[in-house]
């Protein structure tokens, strides 16, 4: 699942692939915003991304990326 996080007052966004599904990510974002704590998500390599909820600009949860291999021959 591709995740893009916009952080307030930061020009670049955080982009990573997560092994978590869309429902888990949405629940984590909602909990962090509701409690005013930090958003913690894991990427597919097992690393943890931590962002203070007060600094979140947006969280874009994309579809799982399907990688195509090979060449299209006509």
PDB file of N, CA and C in Angstrom:
ATOM      1  N   UNK A   1       0.847  -1.164   0.000  1.00  0.00           N
ATOM      2  CA  UNK A   1       0.000   0.000   0.000  1.00  0.00           C
ATOM      3  C   UNK A   1       0.897   1.232   0.000  1.00  0.00           C
ATOM      4  N   UNK A   2       0.732   2.107  -0.982  1.00  0.00           N
ATOM      5  CA  UNK A   2       1.524   3.329  -1.018  1.00  0.00           C
ATOM      6  C   UNK A   2       0.907   4.369  -0.089  1.00  0.00           C
ATOM      7  N   UNK A   3       1.742   5.004   0.720  1.00  0.00           N
ATOM      8  CA  UNK A   3       1.289   6.027   1.659  1.00  0.00           C
ATOM      9  C   UNK A   3       2.086   7.304   1.403  1.00  0.00           C
ATOM     10  N   UNK A   4       1.385   8.425   1.285  1.00  0.00           N
ATOM     11  CA  UNK A   4       2.013   9.742   1.145  1.00  0.00           C
ATOM     12  C   UNK A   4       1.543  10.592   2.319  1.00  0.00           C
ATOM     13  N   UNK A   5       2.499  11.160   3.050  1.00  0.00           N
ATOM     14  CA  UNK A   5       2.168  11.986   4.210  1.00  0.00           C
ATOM     15  C   UNK A   5       2.730  13.383   3.993  1.00  0.00           C
ATOM     16  N   UNK A   6       1.850  14.367   4.049  1.00  0.00           N
ATOM     17  CA  UNK A   6       2.265  15.756   3.985  1.00  0.00           C
ATOM     18  C   UNK A   6       2.407  16.296   5.396  1.00  0.00           C
ATOM     19  N   UNK A   7       3.544  16.908   5.661  1.00  0.00           N
ATOM     20  CA  UNK A   7       3.828  17.458   6.991  1.00  0.00           C
ATOM     21  C   UNK A   7       3.814  18.984   6.878  1.00  0.00           C
ATOM     22  N   UNK A   8       3.134  19.639   7.802  1.00  0.00           N
ATOM     23  CA  UNK A   8       3.044  21.099   7.785  1.00  0.00           C
ATOM     24  C   UNK A   8       4.431  21.726   7.849  1.00  0.00           C
ATOM     25  N   UNK A   9       4.615  22.797   7.068  1.00  0.00           N
ATOM     26  CA  UNK A   9       5.860  23.570   7.026  1.00  0.00           C
ATOM     27  C   UNK A   9       7.069  22.770   6.541  1.00  0.00           C
ATOM     28  N   UNK A  10       6.834  21.694   5.811  1.00  0.00           N
ATOM     29  CA  UNK A  10       7.905  20.897   5.210  1.00  0.00           C
ATOM     30  C   UNK A  10       7.583  20.768   3.729  1.00  0.00           C
ATOM     31  N   UNK A  11       8.543  21.107   2.880  1.00  0.00           N
ATOM     32  CA  UNK A  11       8.301  21.136   1.439  1.00  0.00           C
ATOM     33  C   UNK A  11       8.108  19.742   0.833  1.00  0.00           C
ATOM     34  N   UNK A  12       8.810  18.755   1.344  1.00  0.00           N
ATOM     35  CA  UNK A  12       8.726  17.408   0.777  1.00  0.00           C
ATOM     36  C   UNK A  12       7.745  16.557   1.559  1.00  0.00           C
ATOM     37  N   UNK A  13       7.108  15.631   0.846  1.00  0.00           N
ATOM     38  CA  UNK A  13       6.208  14.701   1.508  1.00  0.00           C
ATOM     39  C   UNK A  13       6.933  13.386   1.782  1.00  0.00           C
ATOM     40  N   UNK A  14       6.440  12.629   2.748  1.00  0.00           N
ATOM     41  CA  UNK A  14       6.974  11.304   3.049  1.00  0.00           C
ATOM     42  C   UNK A  14       6.220  10.309   2.180  1.00  0.00           C
ATOM     43  N   UNK A  15       6.940   9.496   1.426  1.00  0.00           N
ATOM     44  CA  UNK A  15       6.321   8.501   0.550  1.00  0.00           C
ATOM     45  C   UNK A  15       6.984   7.166   0.828  1.00  0.00           C
ATOM     46  N   UNK A  16       6.156   6.142   1.110  1.00  0.00           N
ATOM     47  CA  UNK A  16       6.693   4.811   1.353  1.00  0.00           C
ATOM     48  C   UNK A  16       5.627   3.765   1.089  1.00  0.00           C
ATOM     49  N   UNK A  17       6.066   2.531   0.918  1.00  0.00           N
ATOM     50  CA  UNK A  17       5.172   1.392   0.755  1.00  0.00           C
ATOM     51  C   UNK A  17       4.976   0.744   2.128  1.00  0.00           C
ATOM     52  N   UNK A  18       3.737   0.493   2.488  1.00  0.00           N
ATOM     53  CA  UNK A  18       3.429  -0.108   3.776  1.00  0.00           C
ATOM     54  C   UNK A  18       2.815  -1.484   3.584  1.00  0.00           C
ATOM     55  N   UNK A  19       3.136  -2.394   4.481  1.00  0.00           N
ATOM     56  CA  UNK A  19       2.539  -3.724   4.463  1.00  0.00           C
ATOM     57  C   UNK A  19       1.148  -3.707   5.103  1.00  0.00           C
ATOM     58  N   UNK A  20       0.806  -2.604   5.799  1.00  0.00           N
ATOM     59  CA  UNK A  20      -0.502  -2.479   6.427  1.00  0.00           C
ATOM     60  C   UNK A  20      -1.559  -2.208   5.359  1.00  0.00           C
ATOM     61  N   UNK A  21      -2.796  -2.629   5.624  1.00  0.00           N
ATOM     62  CA  UNK A  21      -3.853  -2.358   4.657  1.00  0.00           C
ATOM     63  C   UNK A  21      -4.482  -0.983   4.922  1.00  0.00           C
ATOM     64  N   UNK A  22      -5.357  -0.543   4.031  1.00  0.00           N
ATOM     65  CA  UNK A  22      -5.946   0.796   4.104  1.00  0.00           C
ATOM     66  C   UNK A  22      -6.729   1.007   5.405  1.00  0.00           C
ATOM     67  N   UNK A  23      -7.428  -0.020   5.865  1.00  0.00           N
ATOM     68  CA  UNK A  23      -8.218   0.114   7.095  1.00  0.00           C
ATOM     69  C   UNK A  23      -7.320   0.327   8.308  1.00  0.00           C
ATOM     70  N   UNK A  24      -6.206  -0.398   8.371  1.00  0.00           N
ATOM     71  CA  UNK A  24      -5.270  -0.249   9.495  1.00  0.00           C
ATOM     72  C   UNK A  24      -4.633   1.139   9.491  1.00  0.00           C
ATOM     73  N   UNK A  25      -4.272   1.629   8.323  1.00  0.00           N
ATOM     74  CA  UNK A  25      -3.660   2.950   8.216  1.00  0.00           C
ATOM     75  C   UNK A  25      -4.657   4.029   8.600  1.00  0.00           C
ATOM     76  N   UNK A  26      -5.892   3.915   8.101  1.00  0.00           N
ATOM     77  CA  UNK A  26      -6.933   4.887   8.431  1.00  0.00           C
ATOM     78  C   UNK A  26      -7.216   4.905   9.927  1.00  0.00           C
ATOM     79  N   UNK A  27      -7.264   3.733  10.551  1.00  0.00           N
ATOM     80  CA  UNK A  27      -7.508   3.654  11.997  1.00  0.00           C
ATOM     81  C   UNK A  27      -6.363   4.299  12.779  1.00  0.00           C
ATOM     82  N   UNK A  28      -5.123   4.077  12.335  1.00  0.00           N
ATOM     83  CA  UNK A  28      -3.964   4.670  13.023  1.00  0.00           C
ATOM     84  C   UNK A  28      -3.977   6.188  12.904  1.00  0.00           C
ATOM     85  N   UNK A  29      -4.331   6.708  11.722  1.00  0.00           N
ATOM     86  CA  UNK A  29      -4.404   8.161  11.522  1.00  0.00           C
ATOM     87  C   UNK A  29      -5.507   8.759  12.390  1.00  0.00           C
ATOM     88  N   UNK A  30      -6.680   8.128  12.386  1.00  0.00           N
ATOM     89  CA  UNK A  30      -7.804   8.626  13.191  1.00  0.00           C
ATOM     90  C   UNK A  30      -7.479   8.623  14.678  1.00  0.00           C
ATOM     91  N   UNK A  31      -6.840   7.556  15.156  1.00  0.00           N
ATOM     92  CA  UNK A  31      -6.483   7.468  16.571  1.00  0.00           C
ATOM     93  C   UNK A  31      -5.462   8.545  16.939  1.00  0.00           C
ATOM     94  N   UNK A  32      -4.466   8.745  16.087  1.00  0.00           N
ATOM     95  CA  UNK A  32      -3.440   9.753  16.379  1.00  0.00           C
ATOM     96  C   UNK A  32      -4.038  11.153  16.412  1.00  0.00           C
ATOM     97  N   UNK A  33      -4.927  11.452  15.466  1.00  0.00           N
ATOM     98  CA  UNK A  33      -5.558  12.772  15.447  1.00  0.00           C
ATOM     99  C   UNK A  33      -6.511  12.962  16.620  1.00  0.00           C
ATOM    100  N   UNK A  34      -7.262  11.923  16.957  1.00  0.00           N
ATOM    101  CA  UNK A  34      -8.214  12.000  18.060  1.00  0.00           C
ATOM    102  C   UNK A  34      -7.554  12.159  19.415  1.00  0.00           C
ATOM    103  N   UNK A  35      -6.432  11.483  19.598  1.00  0.00           N
ATOM    104  CA  UNK A  35      -5.731  11.523  20.884  1.00  0.00           C
ATOM    105  C   UNK A  35      -4.674  12.618  20.944  1.00  0.00           C
ATOM    106  N   UNK A  36      -4.327  13.196  19.779  1.00  0.00           N
ATOM    107  CA  UNK A  36      -3.297  14.236  19.749  1.00  0.00           C
ATOM    108  C   UNK A  36      -1.905  13.706  20.036  1.00  0.00           C
ATOM    109  N   UNK A  37      -1.645  12.456  19.660  1.00  0.00           N
ATOM    110  CA  UNK A  37      -0.343  11.841  19.917  1.00  0.00           C
ATOM    111  C   UNK A  37       0.487  11.834  18.625  1.00  0.00           C
ATOM    112  N   UNK A  38       1.122  10.732  18.339  1.00  0.00           N
ATOM    113  CA  UNK A  38       1.920  10.598  17.118  1.00  0.00           C
ATOM    114  C   UNK A  38       1.332   9.507  16.227  1.00  0.00           C
ATOM    115  N   UNK A  39       1.538   9.664  14.929  1.00  0.00           N
ATOM    116  CA  UNK A  39       1.141   8.651  13.965  1.00  0.00           C
ATOM    117  C   UNK A  39       2.336   7.734  13.751  1.00  0.00           C
ATOM    118  N   UNK A  40       2.131   6.437  13.961  1.00  0.00           N
ATOM    119  CA  UNK A  40       3.192   5.456  13.763  1.00  0.00           C
ATOM    120  C   UNK A  40       2.729   4.440  12.738  1.00  0.00           C
ATOM    121  N   UNK A  41       3.481   4.344  11.643  1.00  0.00           N
ATOM    122  CA  UNK A  41       3.190   3.372  10.600  1.00  0.00           C
ATOM    123  C   UNK A  41       4.467   2.605  10.284  1.00  0.00           C
ATOM    124  N   UNK A  42       4.315   1.365   9.842  1.00  0.00           N
ATOM    125  CA  UNK A  42       5.475   0.555   9.459  1.00  0.00           C
ATOM    126  C   UNK A  42       5.529   0.440   7.945  1.00  0.00           C
ATOM    127  N   UNK A  43       6.758   0.558   7.393  1.00  0.00           N
ATOM    128  CA  UNK A  43       6.905   0.347   5.969  1.00  0.00           C
ATOM    129  C   UNK A  43       7.099  -1.145   5.711  1.00  0.00           C
ATOM    130  N   UNK A  44       7.163  -1.527   4.447  1.00  0.00           N
ATOM    131  CA  UNK A  44       7.230  -2.958   4.132  1.00  0.00           C
ATOM    132  C   UNK A  44       8.578  -3.583   4.458  1.00  0.00           C
ATOM    133  N   UNK A  45       9.570  -2.771   4.822  1.00  0.00           N
ATOM    134  CA  UNK A  45      10.872  -3.298   5.247  1.00  0.00           C
ATOM    135  C   UNK A  45      10.969  -3.409   6.760  1.00  0.00           C
ATOM    136  N   UNK A  46       9.887  -3.064   7.476  1.00  0.00           N
ATOM    137  CA  UNK A  46       9.866  -3.184   8.926  1.00  0.00           C
ATOM    138  C   UNK A  46      10.263  -1.930   9.673  1.00  0.00           C
ATOM    139  N   UNK A  47      10.628  -0.867   8.965  1.00  0.00           N
ATOM    140  CA  UNK A  47      10.994   0.395   9.625  1.00  0.00           C
ATOM    141  C   UNK A  47       9.723   1.119  10.060  1.00  0.00           C
ATOM    142  N   UNK A  48       9.833   1.923  11.107  1.00  0.00           N
ATOM    143  CA  UNK A  48       8.699   2.665  11.637  1.00  0.00           C
ATOM    144  C   UNK A  48       8.816   4.137  11.267  1.00  0.00           C
ATOM    145  N   UNK A  49       7.724   4.693  10.740  1.00  0.00           N
ATOM    146  CA  UNK A  49       7.634   6.119  10.413  1.00  0.00           C
ATOM    147  C   UNK A  49       6.785   6.763  11.498  1.00  0.00           C
ATOM    148  N   UNK A  50       7.326   7.790  12.157  1.00  0.00           N
ATOM    149  CA  UNK A  50       6.632   8.456  13.252  1.00  0.00           C
ATOM    150  C   UNK A  50       6.493   9.943  12.922  1.00  0.00           C
ATOM    151  N   UNK A  51       5.248  10.454  12.969  1.00  0.00           N
ATOM    152  CA  UNK A  51       4.976  11.862  12.685  1.00  0.00           C
ATOM    153  C   UNK A  51       4.044  12.389  13.777  1.00  0.00           C
ATOM    154  N   UNK A  52       4.350  13.536  14.391  1.00  0.00           N
ATOM    155  CA  UNK A  52       3.425  14.111  15.378  1.00  0.00           C
ATOM    156  C   UNK A  52       2.082  14.436  14.714  1.00  0.00           C
ATOM    157  N   UNK A  53       0.993  14.046  15.333  1.00  0.00           N
ATOM    158  CA  UNK A  53      -0.337  14.260  14.759  1.00  0.00           C
ATOM    159  C   UNK A  53      -0.616  15.736  14.518  1.00  0.00           C
ATOM    160  N   UNK A  54      -0.099  16.612  15.362  1.00  0.00           N
ATOM    161  CA  UNK A  54      -0.336  18.053  15.213  1.00  0.00           C
ATOM    162  C   UNK A  54       0.335  18.611  13.965  1.00  0.00           C
ATOM    163  N   UNK A  55       1.314  17.897  13.408  1.00  0.00           N
ATOM    164  CA  UNK A  55       2.040  18.366  12.229  1.00  0.00           C
ATOM    165  C   UNK A  55       1.522  17.789  10.917  1.00  0.00           C
ATOM    166  N   UNK A  56       0.535  16.891  10.989  1.00  0.00           N
ATOM    167  CA  UNK A  56       0.016  16.271   9.771  1.00  0.00           C
ATOM    168  C   UNK A  56      -0.719  17.285   8.908  1.00  0.00           C
ATOM    169  N   UNK A  57      -0.362  17.317   7.629  1.00  0.00           N
ATOM    170  CA  UNK A  57      -1.089  18.139   6.661  1.00  0.00           C
ATOM    171  C   UNK A  57      -2.126  17.285   5.964  1.00  0.00           C
ATOM    172  N   UNK A  58      -1.697  16.103   5.486  1.00  0.00           N
ATOM    173  CA  UNK A  58      -2.597  15.153   4.839  1.00  0.00           C
ATOM    174  C   UNK A  58      -1.952  13.777   4.836  1.00  0.00           C
ATOM    175  N   UNK A  59      -2.789  12.763   4.666  1.00  0.00           N
ATOM    176  CA  UNK A  59      -2.323  11.389   4.496  1.00  0.00           C
ATOM    177  C   UNK A  59      -3.076  10.827   3.306  1.00  0.00           C
ATOM    178  N   UNK A  60      -2.337  10.456   2.264  1.00  0.00           N
ATOM    179  CA  UNK A  60      -2.920   9.895   1.044  1.00  0.00           C
ATOM    180  C   UNK A  60      -2.608   8.407   1.030  1.00  0.00           C
ATOM    181  N   UNK A  61      -3.662   7.593   1.043  1.00  0.00           N
ATOM    182  CA  UNK A  61      -3.502   6.143   1.050  1.00  0.00           C
ATOM    183  C   UNK A  61      -3.865   5.648  -0.336  1.00  0.00           C
ATOM    184  N   UNK A  62      -2.857   5.130  -1.053  1.00  0.00           N
ATOM    185  CA  UNK A  62      -3.064   4.674  -2.425  1.00  0.00           C
ATOM    186  C   UNK A  62      -3.285   3.188  -2.495  1.00  0.00           C
ATOM    187  N   UNK A  63      -3.524   2.739  -3.698  1.00  0.00           N
ATOM    188  CA  UNK A  63      -3.719   1.311  -3.935  1.00  0.00           C
ATOM    189  C   UNK A  63      -2.376   0.599  -3.885  1.00  0.00           C
ATOM    190  N   UNK A  64      -2.422  -0.690  -3.683  1.00  0.00           N
ATOM    191  CA  UNK A  64      -1.201  -1.483  -3.724  1.00  0.00           C
ATOM    192  C   UNK A  64      -0.619  -1.383  -5.114  1.00  0.00           C
ATOM    193  N   UNK A  65       0.683  -1.176  -5.164  1.00  0.00           N
ATOM    194  CA  UNK A  65       1.345  -1.000  -6.454  1.00  0.00           C
ATOM    195  C   UNK A  65       1.623  -2.343  -7.084  1.00  0.00           C
ATOM    196  N   UNK A  66       1.159  -2.499  -8.318  1.00  0.00           N
ATOM    197  CA  UNK A  66       1.420  -3.715  -9.067  1.00  0.00           C
ATOM    198  C   UNK A  66       2.560  -3.411 -10.023  1.00  0.00           C
ATOM    199  N   UNK A  67       3.638  -4.145  -9.896  1.00  0.00           N
ATOM    200  CA  UNK A  67       4.802  -3.895 -10.738  1.00  0.00           C
ATOM    201  C   UNK A  67       4.781  -4.835 -11.927  1.00  0.00           C
ATOM    202  N   UNK A  68       4.900  -4.246 -13.099  1.00  0.00           N
ATOM    203  CA  UNK A  68       4.908  -5.051 -14.320  1.00  0.00           C
ATOM    204  C   UNK A  68       6.354  -5.384 -14.681  1.00  0.00           C
ATOM    205  N   UNK A  69       6.540  -6.605 -15.132  1.00  0.00           N
ATOM    206  CA  UNK A  69       7.861  -7.058 -15.518  1.00  0.00           C
ATOM    207  C   UNK A  69       7.791  -7.531 -16.963  1.00  0.00           C
ATOM    208  N   UNK A  70       8.803  -7.199 -17.733  1.00  0.00           N
ATOM    209  CA  UNK A  70       8.862  -7.668 -19.112  1.00  0.00           C
ATOM    210  C   UNK A  70       8.622  -6.554 -20.094  1.00  0.00           C
ATOM    211  N   UNK A  71       8.585  -6.944 -21.328  1.00  0.00           N
ATOM    212  CA  UNK A  71       8.401  -5.989 -22.408  1.00  0.00           C
ATOM    213  C   UNK A  71       7.150  -6.347 -23.188  1.00  0.00           C
ATOM    214  N   UNK A  72       6.444  -5.328 -23.629  1.00  0.00           N
ATOM    215  CA  UNK A  72       5.278  -5.551 -24.458  1.00  0.00           C
ATOM    216  C   UNK A  72       5.700  -5.640 -25.915  1.00  0.00           C
ATOM    217  N   UNK A  73       5.460  -6.775 -26.526  1.00  0.00           N
ATOM    218  CA  UNK A  73       5.816  -6.942 -27.933  1.00  0.00           C
ATOM    219  C   UNK A  73       4.551  -6.897 -28.768  1.00  0.00           C
ATOM    220  N   UNK A  74       4.603  -6.126 -29.811  1.00  0.00           N
ATOM    221  CA  UNK A  74       3.438  -6.025 -30.681  1.00  0.00           C
ATOM    222  C   UNK A  74       3.630  -6.818 -31.943  1.00  0.00           C
TER     223      UNK A  74
END
